[in-house]
């Protein structure tokens, strides 16, 4: 049965440092079991700080980076190298400093790639790449040890926005048009793909996220908030600062907060 935990840190900086350490430990743990590890990266300001903390950590060399697969949960459909792309952010903050295997870095297609300005074709291309990396388990998908997700003020995760078609898409990857935040055209893993991960970590900082976080964590029954509809097969972990956790009720004594 999947377990859900909530970890609350004093502020955004503390959260980033602790999450970086937690992620390094989790990658080492995955490699101790089967030599390789796989992580799905996210974007945003908090993610950039986490990646920089991993890069600068004295513990980073405990991970065999040549045997880590890097995927992305979503991407802005912009030209390769655009500073607004999540790939660009991750490369600058982390990947360029690591001895990664380029064949294990799997960015989502850019708008100047083989598919041109056709995001639907680009989504299909990424789905094909996922399928080629599949090794048993969920058909058409590789094993994801950890999926990192930021949570928006509206409760969106990746580029799955409330009431948008991606919420209902059963394919692993889909194109998003008309996103409520710029740029309007994006690619995203769907909730179907995200929910195959061993662990899903949801990150939120700031008071502006508090309402969505509180609703998602306490939701019961059918909900349309994307953040409430994703979970890890073994663990779902909410990583919050105090402001974002404002509307999260204290856990019952039989279900204590997950220790940092």
C-alpha atoms as a PDB file:
ATOM      1  CA  UNK A   1       0.000   0.000   0.000  1.00  0.00           C
ATOM      2  CA  UNK A   2       1.238   3.486  -0.851  1.00  0.00           C
ATOM      3  CA  UNK A   3       2.148   5.681   2.117  1.00  0.00           C
ATOM      4  CA  UNK A   4       1.681   9.439   2.245  1.00  0.00           C
ATOM      5  CA  UNK A   5       3.942  11.682   4.292  1.00  0.00           C
ATOM      6  CA  UNK A   6       4.221  15.400   4.925  1.00  0.00           C
ATOM      7  CA  UNK A   7       7.472  17.134   5.823  1.00  0.00           C
ATOM      8  CA  UNK A   8       7.364  20.812   6.796  1.00  0.00           C
ATOM      9  CA  UNK A   9      10.516  22.933   6.758  1.00  0.00           C
ATOM     10  CA  UNK A  10      11.023  26.371   8.253  1.00  0.00           C
ATOM     11  CA  UNK A  11      11.474  28.153   4.929  1.00  0.00           C
ATOM     12  CA  UNK A  12      12.103  27.630   1.228  1.00  0.00           C
ATOM     13  CA  UNK A  13      15.879  27.541   1.587  1.00  0.00           C
ATOM     14  CA  UNK A  14      15.752  24.890   4.296  1.00  0.00           C
ATOM     15  CA  UNK A  15      13.366  22.857   2.168  1.00  0.00           C
ATOM     16  CA  UNK A  16      15.687  23.021  -0.844  1.00  0.00           C
ATOM     17  CA  UNK A  17      18.761  21.958   1.112  1.00  0.00           C
ATOM     18  CA  UNK A  18      16.962  19.090   2.819  1.00  0.00           C
ATOM     19  CA  UNK A  19      15.325  17.911  -0.401  1.00  0.00           C
ATOM     20  CA  UNK A  20      18.673  17.885  -2.175  1.00  0.00           C
ATOM     21  CA  UNK A  21      20.126  15.689   0.557  1.00  0.00           C
ATOM     22  CA  UNK A  22      17.063  13.452   0.559  1.00  0.00           C
ATOM     23  CA  UNK A  23      17.253  13.000  -3.206  1.00  0.00           C
ATOM     24  CA  UNK A  24      20.933  12.089  -3.154  1.00  0.00           C
ATOM     25  CA  UNK A  25      20.236   9.447  -0.502  1.00  0.00           C
ATOM     26  CA  UNK A  26      17.312   8.049  -2.476  1.00  0.00           C
ATOM     27  CA  UNK A  27      19.409   7.751  -5.662  1.00  0.00           C
ATOM     28  CA  UNK A  28      22.158   5.948  -3.764  1.00  0.00           C
ATOM     29  CA  UNK A  29      19.573   3.626  -2.273  1.00  0.00           C
ATOM     30  CA  UNK A  30      18.102   2.821  -5.686  1.00  0.00           C
ATOM     31  CA  UNK A  31      21.540   2.061  -7.095  1.00  0.00           C
ATOM     32  CA  UNK A  32      22.366  -0.192  -4.176  1.00  0.00           C
ATOM     33  CA  UNK A  33      19.460  -2.408  -5.211  1.00  0.00           C
ATOM     34  CA  UNK A  34      19.941  -2.551  -8.984  1.00  0.00           C
ATOM     35  CA  UNK A  35      22.924  -0.330  -9.929  1.00  0.00           C
ATOM     36  CA  UNK A  36      20.817   2.183 -11.855  1.00  0.00           C
ATOM     37  CA  UNK A  37      18.376   4.885 -10.794  1.00  0.00           C
ATOM     38  CA  UNK A  38      15.785   7.019 -12.555  1.00  0.00           C
ATOM     39  CA  UNK A  39      14.439  10.446 -11.665  1.00  0.00           C
ATOM     40  CA  UNK A  40      11.869  12.687 -13.316  1.00  0.00           C
ATOM     41  CA  UNK A  41      12.877  16.331 -12.984  1.00  0.00           C
ATOM     42  CA  UNK A  42      10.653  19.354 -12.579  1.00  0.00           C
ATOM     43  CA  UNK A  43      11.173  23.064 -13.183  1.00  0.00           C
ATOM     44  CA  UNK A  44      10.674  26.296 -11.296  1.00  0.00           C
ATOM     45  CA  UNK A  45      12.604  28.436  -8.829  1.00  0.00           C
ATOM     46  CA  UNK A  46      12.551  25.888  -6.017  1.00  0.00           C
ATOM     47  CA  UNK A  47      13.800  23.167  -8.334  1.00  0.00           C
ATOM     48  CA  UNK A  48      16.744  25.292  -9.457  1.00  0.00           C
ATOM     49  CA  UNK A  49      17.801  25.811  -5.835  1.00  0.00           C
ATOM     50  CA  UNK A  50      17.476  22.086  -5.128  1.00  0.00           C
ATOM     51  CA  UNK A  51      19.590  21.178  -8.154  1.00  0.00           C
ATOM     52  CA  UNK A  52      22.279  23.699  -7.209  1.00  0.00           C
ATOM     53  CA  UNK A  53      22.340  22.290  -3.676  1.00  0.00           C
ATOM     54  CA  UNK A  54      22.815  18.790  -5.085  1.00  0.00           C
ATOM     55  CA  UNK A  55      25.617  20.034  -7.340  1.00  0.00           C
ATOM     56  CA  UNK A  56      27.412  21.669  -4.421  1.00  0.00           C
ATOM     57  CA  UNK A  57      26.850  18.881  -1.910  1.00  0.00           C
ATOM     58  CA  UNK A  58      29.945  17.007  -0.679  1.00  0.00           C
ATOM     59  CA  UNK A  59      27.787  13.872  -0.828  1.00  0.00           C
ATOM     60  CA  UNK A  60      27.070  14.126  -4.542  1.00  0.00           C
ATOM     61  CA  UNK A  61      29.889  11.741  -5.497  1.00  0.00           C
ATOM     62  CA  UNK A  62      28.185   8.924  -3.594  1.00  0.00           C
ATOM     63  CA  UNK A  63      25.903   8.652  -6.629  1.00  0.00           C
ATOM     64  CA  UNK A  64      27.149   6.958  -9.793  1.00  0.00           C
ATOM     65  CA  UNK A  65      25.824   9.648 -12.129  1.00  0.00           C
ATOM     66  CA  UNK A  66      26.712   7.637 -15.224  1.00  0.00           C
ATOM     67  CA  UNK A  67      23.951   5.212 -14.225  1.00  0.00           C
ATOM     68  CA  UNK A  68      21.153   7.680 -13.536  1.00  0.00           C
ATOM     69  CA  UNK A  69      18.390   8.211 -16.074  1.00  0.00           C
ATOM     70  CA  UNK A  70      16.998  11.738 -16.159  1.00  0.00           C
ATOM     71  CA  UNK A  71      13.517  12.379 -17.512  1.00  0.00           C
ATOM     72  CA  UNK A  72      11.305  15.451 -17.383  1.00  0.00           C
ATOM     73  CA  UNK A  73       7.749  15.747 -16.102  1.00  0.00           C
ATOM     74  CA  UNK A  74       6.897  18.614 -18.403  1.00  0.00           C
ATOM     75  CA  UNK A  75       8.470  21.142 -20.692  1.00  0.00           C
ATOM     76  CA  UNK A  76       7.768  24.480 -22.276  1.00  0.00           C
ATOM     77  CA  UNK A  77       7.574  23.930 -26.040  1.00  0.00           C
ATOM     78  CA  UNK A  78      10.315  26.391 -26.921  1.00  0.00           C
ATOM     79  CA  UNK A  79      13.555  26.203 -28.934  1.00  0.00           C
ATOM     80  CA  UNK A  80      16.424  24.149 -27.574  1.00  0.00           C
ATOM     81  CA  UNK A  81      18.535  26.155 -25.146  1.00  0.00           C
ATOM     82  CA  UNK A  82      15.811  28.678 -24.399  1.00  0.00           C
ATOM     83  CA  UNK A  83      16.316  29.889 -20.809  1.00  0.00           C
ATOM     84  CA  UNK A  84      12.648  29.219 -20.051  1.00  0.00           C
ATOM     85  CA  UNK A  85      12.962  25.505 -20.776  1.00  0.00           C
ATOM     86  CA  UNK A  86      13.140  23.201 -17.759  1.00  0.00           C
ATOM     87  CA  UNK A  87      15.910  21.287 -19.521  1.00  0.00           C
ATOM     88  CA  UNK A  88      18.065  24.420 -19.768  1.00  0.00           C
ATOM     89  CA  UNK A  89      17.546  25.149 -16.086  1.00  0.00           C
ATOM     90  CA  UNK A  90      18.476  21.622 -15.005  1.00  0.00           C
ATOM     91  CA  UNK A  91      21.544  21.498 -17.201  1.00  0.00           C
ATOM     92  CA  UNK A  92      22.866  24.821 -15.934  1.00  0.00           C
ATOM     93  CA  UNK A  93      22.119  24.137 -12.270  1.00  0.00           C
ATOM     94  CA  UNK A  94      23.127  20.465 -12.105  1.00  0.00           C
ATOM     95  CA  UNK A  95      23.668  18.247 -15.112  1.00  0.00           C
ATOM     96  CA  UNK A  96      26.522  20.170 -16.733  1.00  0.00           C
ATOM     97  CA  UNK A  97      28.547  19.685 -13.551  1.00  0.00           C
ATOM     98  CA  UNK A  98      28.016  15.925 -13.335  1.00  0.00           C
ATOM     99  CA  UNK A  99      29.642  12.981 -15.164  1.00  0.00           C
ATOM    100  CA  UNK A 100      26.312  11.894 -16.651  1.00  0.00           C
ATOM    101  CA  UNK A 101      25.896   9.535 -19.574  1.00  0.00           C
ATOM    102  CA  UNK A 102      24.389  11.703 -22.346  1.00  0.00           C
ATOM    103  CA  UNK A 103      22.379   8.715 -23.536  1.00  0.00           C
ATOM    104  CA  UNK A 104      20.642   8.627 -20.149  1.00  0.00           C
ATOM    105  CA  UNK A 105      19.525  12.268 -20.302  1.00  0.00           C
ATOM    106  CA  UNK A 106      16.081  12.374 -21.899  1.00  0.00           C
ATOM    107  CA  UNK A 107      14.840  15.944 -22.467  1.00  0.00           C
ATOM    108  CA  UNK A 108      11.439  16.523 -23.991  1.00  0.00           C
ATOM    109  CA  UNK A 109      11.560  17.668 -27.625  1.00  0.00           C
ATOM    110  CA  UNK A 110      12.066  21.340 -28.405  1.00  0.00           C
ATOM    111  CA  UNK A 111      10.074  23.417 -30.865  1.00  0.00           C
ATOM    112  CA  UNK A 112      13.071  23.566 -33.222  1.00  0.00           C
ATOM    113  CA  UNK A 113      13.456  19.790 -33.226  1.00  0.00           C
ATOM    114  CA  UNK A 114      12.473  17.229 -35.874  1.00  0.00           C
ATOM    115  CA  UNK A 115       8.767  17.818 -35.265  1.00  0.00           C
ATOM    116  CA  UNK A 116       8.967  21.553 -35.816  1.00  0.00           C
ATOM    117  CA  UNK A 117       6.115  23.464 -34.236  1.00  0.00           C
ATOM    118  CA  UNK A 118       3.881  20.391 -33.862  1.00  0.00           C
ATOM    119  CA  UNK A 119       3.597  19.686 -30.111  1.00  0.00           C
ATOM    120  CA  UNK A 120       1.353  16.650 -30.647  1.00  0.00           C
ATOM    121  CA  UNK A 121       4.042  14.990 -32.764  1.00  0.00           C
ATOM    122  CA  UNK A 122       6.658  15.954 -30.167  1.00  0.00           C
ATOM    123  CA  UNK A 123       4.561  14.370 -27.407  1.00  0.00           C
ATOM    124  CA  UNK A 124       4.333  11.199 -29.455  1.00  0.00           C
ATOM    125  CA  UNK A 125       8.080  11.225 -29.948  1.00  0.00           C
ATOM    126  CA  UNK A 126       8.666  11.414 -26.194  1.00  0.00           C
ATOM    127  CA  UNK A 127       6.162   8.633 -25.581  1.00  0.00           C
ATOM    128  CA  UNK A 128       8.140   6.497 -28.040  1.00  0.00           C
ATOM    129  CA  UNK A 129      11.353   7.253 -26.144  1.00  0.00           C
ATOM    130  CA  UNK A 130       9.717   6.232 -22.890  1.00  0.00           C
ATOM    131  CA  UNK A 131       8.514   3.002 -24.472  1.00  0.00           C
ATOM    132  CA  UNK A 132      11.995   2.168 -25.777  1.00  0.00           C
ATOM    133  CA  UNK A 133      13.341   2.487 -22.226  1.00  0.00           C
ATOM    134  CA  UNK A 134      10.659   0.202 -20.808  1.00  0.00           C
ATOM    135  CA  UNK A 135      12.054  -2.885 -19.106  1.00  0.00           C
ATOM    136  CA  UNK A 136       9.069  -4.764 -17.769  1.00  0.00           C
ATOM    137  CA  UNK A 137       6.793  -3.205 -15.192  1.00  0.00           C
ATOM    138  CA  UNK A 138       4.282  -0.794 -16.682  1.00  0.00           C
ATOM    139  CA  UNK A 139       3.998  -1.362 -20.453  1.00  0.00           C
ATOM    140  CA  UNK A 140       5.364   1.547 -22.451  1.00  0.00           C
ATOM    141  CA  UNK A 141       7.058   3.229 -19.492  1.00  0.00           C
ATOM    142  CA  UNK A 142      10.441   2.881 -17.802  1.00  0.00           C
ATOM    143  CA  UNK A 143      10.753   2.540 -14.063  1.00  0.00           C
ATOM    144  CA  UNK A 144      10.659   5.922 -12.325  1.00  0.00           C
ATOM    145  CA  UNK A 145      12.214   5.800  -8.857  1.00  0.00           C
ATOM    146  CA  UNK A 146      11.269   9.394  -8.036  1.00  0.00           C
ATOM    147  CA  UNK A 147       9.062  11.930  -9.771  1.00  0.00           C
ATOM    148  CA  UNK A 148       9.584  15.508  -8.605  1.00  0.00           C
ATOM    149  CA  UNK A 149       6.586  17.799  -8.993  1.00  0.00           C
ATOM    150  CA  UNK A 150       6.057  21.437  -8.200  1.00  0.00           C
ATOM    151  CA  UNK A 151       2.541  22.406  -7.131  1.00  0.00           C
ATOM    152  CA  UNK A 152       0.971  25.542  -8.579  1.00  0.00           C
ATOM    153  CA  UNK A 153      -1.329  27.970  -6.810  1.00  0.00           C
ATOM    154  CA  UNK A 154      -4.207  26.457  -8.790  1.00  0.00           C
ATOM    155  CA  UNK A 155      -3.181  22.922  -7.813  1.00  0.00           C
ATOM    156  CA  UNK A 156      -1.598  22.025 -11.142  1.00  0.00           C
ATOM    157  CA  UNK A 157       1.329  19.624 -11.364  1.00  0.00           C
ATOM    158  CA  UNK A 158       3.749  19.328 -14.286  1.00  0.00           C
ATOM    159  CA  UNK A 159       1.690  21.000 -17.047  1.00  0.00           C
ATOM    160  CA  UNK A 160      -1.544  19.290 -16.040  1.00  0.00           C
ATOM    161  CA  UNK A 161      -3.870  22.179 -15.208  1.00  0.00           C
ATOM    162  CA  UNK A 162      -7.322  21.955 -13.606  1.00  0.00           C
ATOM    163  CA  UNK A 163     -10.112  21.445 -16.144  1.00  0.00           C
ATOM    164  CA  UNK A 164      -7.672  21.138 -19.058  1.00  0.00           C
ATOM    165  CA  UNK A 165      -7.842  18.122 -21.389  1.00  0.00           C
ATOM    166  CA  UNK A 166      -4.566  16.736 -20.009  1.00  0.00           C
ATOM    167  CA  UNK A 167      -6.388  15.931 -16.768  1.00  0.00           C
ATOM    168  CA  UNK A 168      -8.405  13.285 -18.604  1.00  0.00           C
ATOM    169  CA  UNK A 169      -5.734  12.058 -21.043  1.00  0.00           C
ATOM    170  CA  UNK A 170      -4.832   8.394 -20.638  1.00  0.00           C
ATOM    171  CA  UNK A 171      -1.732   8.516 -22.838  1.00  0.00           C
ATOM    172  CA  UNK A 172       1.610   8.799 -21.031  1.00  0.00           C
ATOM    173  CA  UNK A 173       2.557  12.104 -22.699  1.00  0.00           C
ATOM    174  CA  UNK A 174       0.360  14.805 -24.132  1.00  0.00           C
ATOM    175  CA  UNK A 175       0.611  18.241 -25.688  1.00  0.00           C
ATOM    176  CA  UNK A 176      -0.926  21.188 -23.872  1.00  0.00           C
ATOM    177  CA  UNK A 177      -2.298  24.187 -25.720  1.00  0.00           C
ATOM    178  CA  UNK A 178      -3.704  27.282 -24.079  1.00  0.00           C
ATOM    179  CA  UNK A 179      -2.000  26.780 -20.726  1.00  0.00           C
ATOM    180  CA  UNK A 180      -3.164  29.398 -18.212  1.00  0.00           C
ATOM    181  CA  UNK A 181       0.435  30.457 -17.557  1.00  0.00           C
ATOM    182  CA  UNK A 182       2.987  31.316 -20.235  1.00  0.00           C
ATOM    183  CA  UNK A 183       4.104  29.905 -22.512  1.00  0.00           C
ATOM    184  CA  UNK A 184       0.765  28.499 -23.639  1.00  0.00           C
ATOM    185  CA  UNK A 185       2.141  25.464 -25.502  1.00  0.00           C
ATOM    186  CA  UNK A 186       3.766  22.701 -23.480  1.00  0.00           C
ATOM    187  CA  UNK A 187       4.443  18.987 -23.257  1.00  0.00           C
ATOM    188  CA  UNK A 188       3.671  16.999 -20.120  1.00  0.00           C
ATOM    189  CA  UNK A 189       3.594  13.571 -18.601  1.00  0.00           C
ATOM    190  CA  UNK A 190       0.025  12.759 -17.687  1.00  0.00           C
ATOM    191  CA  UNK A 191      -1.217  11.624 -14.316  1.00  0.00           C
ATOM    192  CA  UNK A 192      -1.377   8.092 -15.737  1.00  0.00           C
ATOM    193  CA  UNK A 193       2.396   8.066 -16.272  1.00  0.00           C
ATOM    194  CA  UNK A 194       3.247   9.918 -13.050  1.00  0.00           C
ATOM    195  CA  UNK A 195       1.272   7.452 -10.959  1.00  0.00           C
ATOM    196  CA  UNK A 196       3.483   4.555 -12.066  1.00  0.00           C
ATOM    197  CA  UNK A 197       6.461   5.997 -10.153  1.00  0.00           C
ATOM    198  CA  UNK A 198       7.756   4.282  -7.048  1.00  0.00           C
ATOM    199  CA  UNK A 199       7.757   7.615  -5.235  1.00  0.00           C
ATOM    200  CA  UNK A 200       6.144  10.962  -6.054  1.00  0.00           C
ATOM    201  CA  UNK A 201       7.474  14.049  -4.262  1.00  0.00           C
ATOM    202  CA  UNK A 202       5.359  17.213  -4.358  1.00  0.00           C
ATOM    203  CA  UNK A 203       7.129  20.495  -3.592  1.00  0.00           C
ATOM    204  CA  UNK A 204       5.456  23.728  -2.534  1.00  0.00           C
ATOM    205  CA  UNK A 205       6.648  26.938  -0.921  1.00  0.00           C
ATOM    206  CA  UNK A 206       4.919  30.182  -0.048  1.00  0.00           C
ATOM    207  CA  UNK A 207       1.533  31.230   1.252  1.00  0.00           C
ATOM    208  CA  UNK A 208       0.120  31.398  -2.250  1.00  0.00           C
ATOM    209  CA  UNK A 209       0.236  27.600  -2.463  1.00  0.00           C
ATOM    210  CA  UNK A 210      -1.368  26.985   0.938  1.00  0.00           C
ATOM    211  CA  UNK A 211      -4.983  26.645  -0.193  1.00  0.00           C
ATOM    212  CA  UNK A 212      -4.198  24.227  -3.038  1.00  0.00           C
ATOM    213  CA  UNK A 213      -1.880  22.168  -0.841  1.00  0.00           C
ATOM    214  CA  UNK A 214      -4.410  21.941   1.977  1.00  0.00           C
ATOM    215  CA  UNK A 215      -7.177  20.923  -0.407  1.00  0.00           C
ATOM    216  CA  UNK A 216      -5.047  18.308  -2.144  1.00  0.00           C
ATOM    217  CA  UNK A 217      -3.791  16.677   1.045  1.00  0.00           C
ATOM    218  CA  UNK A 218      -7.199  16.513   2.726  1.00  0.00           C
ATOM    219  CA  UNK A 219      -9.197  15.597  -0.398  1.00  0.00           C
ATOM    220  CA  UNK A 220     -11.337  12.482  -0.277  1.00  0.00           C
ATOM    221  CA  UNK A 221     -13.423  11.010  -3.054  1.00  0.00           C
ATOM    222  CA  UNK A 222     -13.290  12.192  -6.678  1.00  0.00           C
ATOM    223  CA  UNK A 223     -11.489  15.524  -7.091  1.00  0.00           C
ATOM    224  CA  UNK A 224     -10.409  17.481 -10.130  1.00  0.00           C
ATOM    225  CA  UNK A 225      -7.366  19.069  -8.540  1.00  0.00           C
ATOM    226  CA  UNK A 226      -4.375  17.508 -10.314  1.00  0.00           C
ATOM    227  CA  UNK A 227      -2.181  17.676  -7.198  1.00  0.00           C
ATOM    228  CA  UNK A 228      -4.724  15.523  -5.367  1.00  0.00           C
ATOM    229  CA  UNK A 229      -4.742  12.894  -8.091  1.00  0.00           C
ATOM    230  CA  UNK A 230      -1.087  11.868  -8.209  1.00  0.00           C
ATOM    231  CA  UNK A 231       0.605   9.348  -5.956  1.00  0.00           C
ATOM    232  CA  UNK A 232       3.579   7.038  -5.823  1.00  0.00           C
ATOM    233  CA  UNK A 233       3.180   3.303  -5.919  1.00  0.00           C
ATOM    234  CA  UNK A 234       5.055   3.027  -2.628  1.00  0.00           C
ATOM    235  CA  UNK A 235       5.238   6.566  -1.305  1.00  0.00           C
ATOM    236  CA  UNK A 236       3.798  10.035  -1.829  1.00  0.00           C
ATOM    237  CA  UNK A 237       5.783  12.741  -0.092  1.00  0.00           C
ATOM    238  CA  UNK A 238       4.743  16.358   0.379  1.00  0.00           C
ATOM    239  CA  UNK A 239       7.734  18.645   0.962  1.00  0.00           C
ATOM    240  CA  UNK A 240       6.550  22.043   2.185  1.00  0.00           C
ATOM    241  CA  UNK A 241       7.705  25.191   3.891  1.00  0.00           C
ATOM    242  CA  UNK A 242       5.683  26.562   6.788  1.00  0.00           C
ATOM    243  CA  UNK A 243       3.783  29.052   4.666  1.00  0.00           C
ATOM    244  CA  UNK A 244       2.674  26.443   2.140  1.00  0.00           C
ATOM    245  CA  UNK A 245       1.662  24.104   4.982  1.00  0.00           C
ATOM    246  CA  UNK A 246      -0.585  26.692   6.639  1.00  0.00           C
ATOM    247  CA  UNK A 247      -3.830  24.896   5.701  1.00  0.00           C
ATOM    248  CA  UNK A 248      -2.583  21.356   6.305  1.00  0.00           C
ATOM    249  CA  UNK A 249      -4.225  19.927   9.432  1.00  0.00           C
ATOM    250  CA  UNK A 250      -1.958  18.309  12.018  1.00  0.00           C
ATOM    251  CA  UNK A 251      -1.771  14.563  11.524  1.00  0.00           C
ATOM    252  CA  UNK A 252      -3.425  12.193  13.976  1.00  0.00           C
ATOM    253  CA  UNK A 253      -1.149  10.611  16.531  1.00  0.00           C
ATOM    254  CA  UNK A 254      -1.371   7.301  14.661  1.00  0.00           C
ATOM    255  CA  UNK A 255      -0.013   8.889  11.475  1.00  0.00           C
ATOM    256  CA  UNK A 256       2.887  11.157  12.485  1.00  0.00           C
ATOM    257  CA  UNK A 257       4.696  13.466  10.143  1.00  0.00           C
ATOM    258  CA  UNK A 258       7.318  11.777   8.067  1.00  0.00           C
ATOM    259  CA  UNK A 259      10.688  12.579   9.636  1.00  0.00           C
ATOM    260  CA  UNK A 260      13.062  14.679   7.538  1.00  0.00           C
END
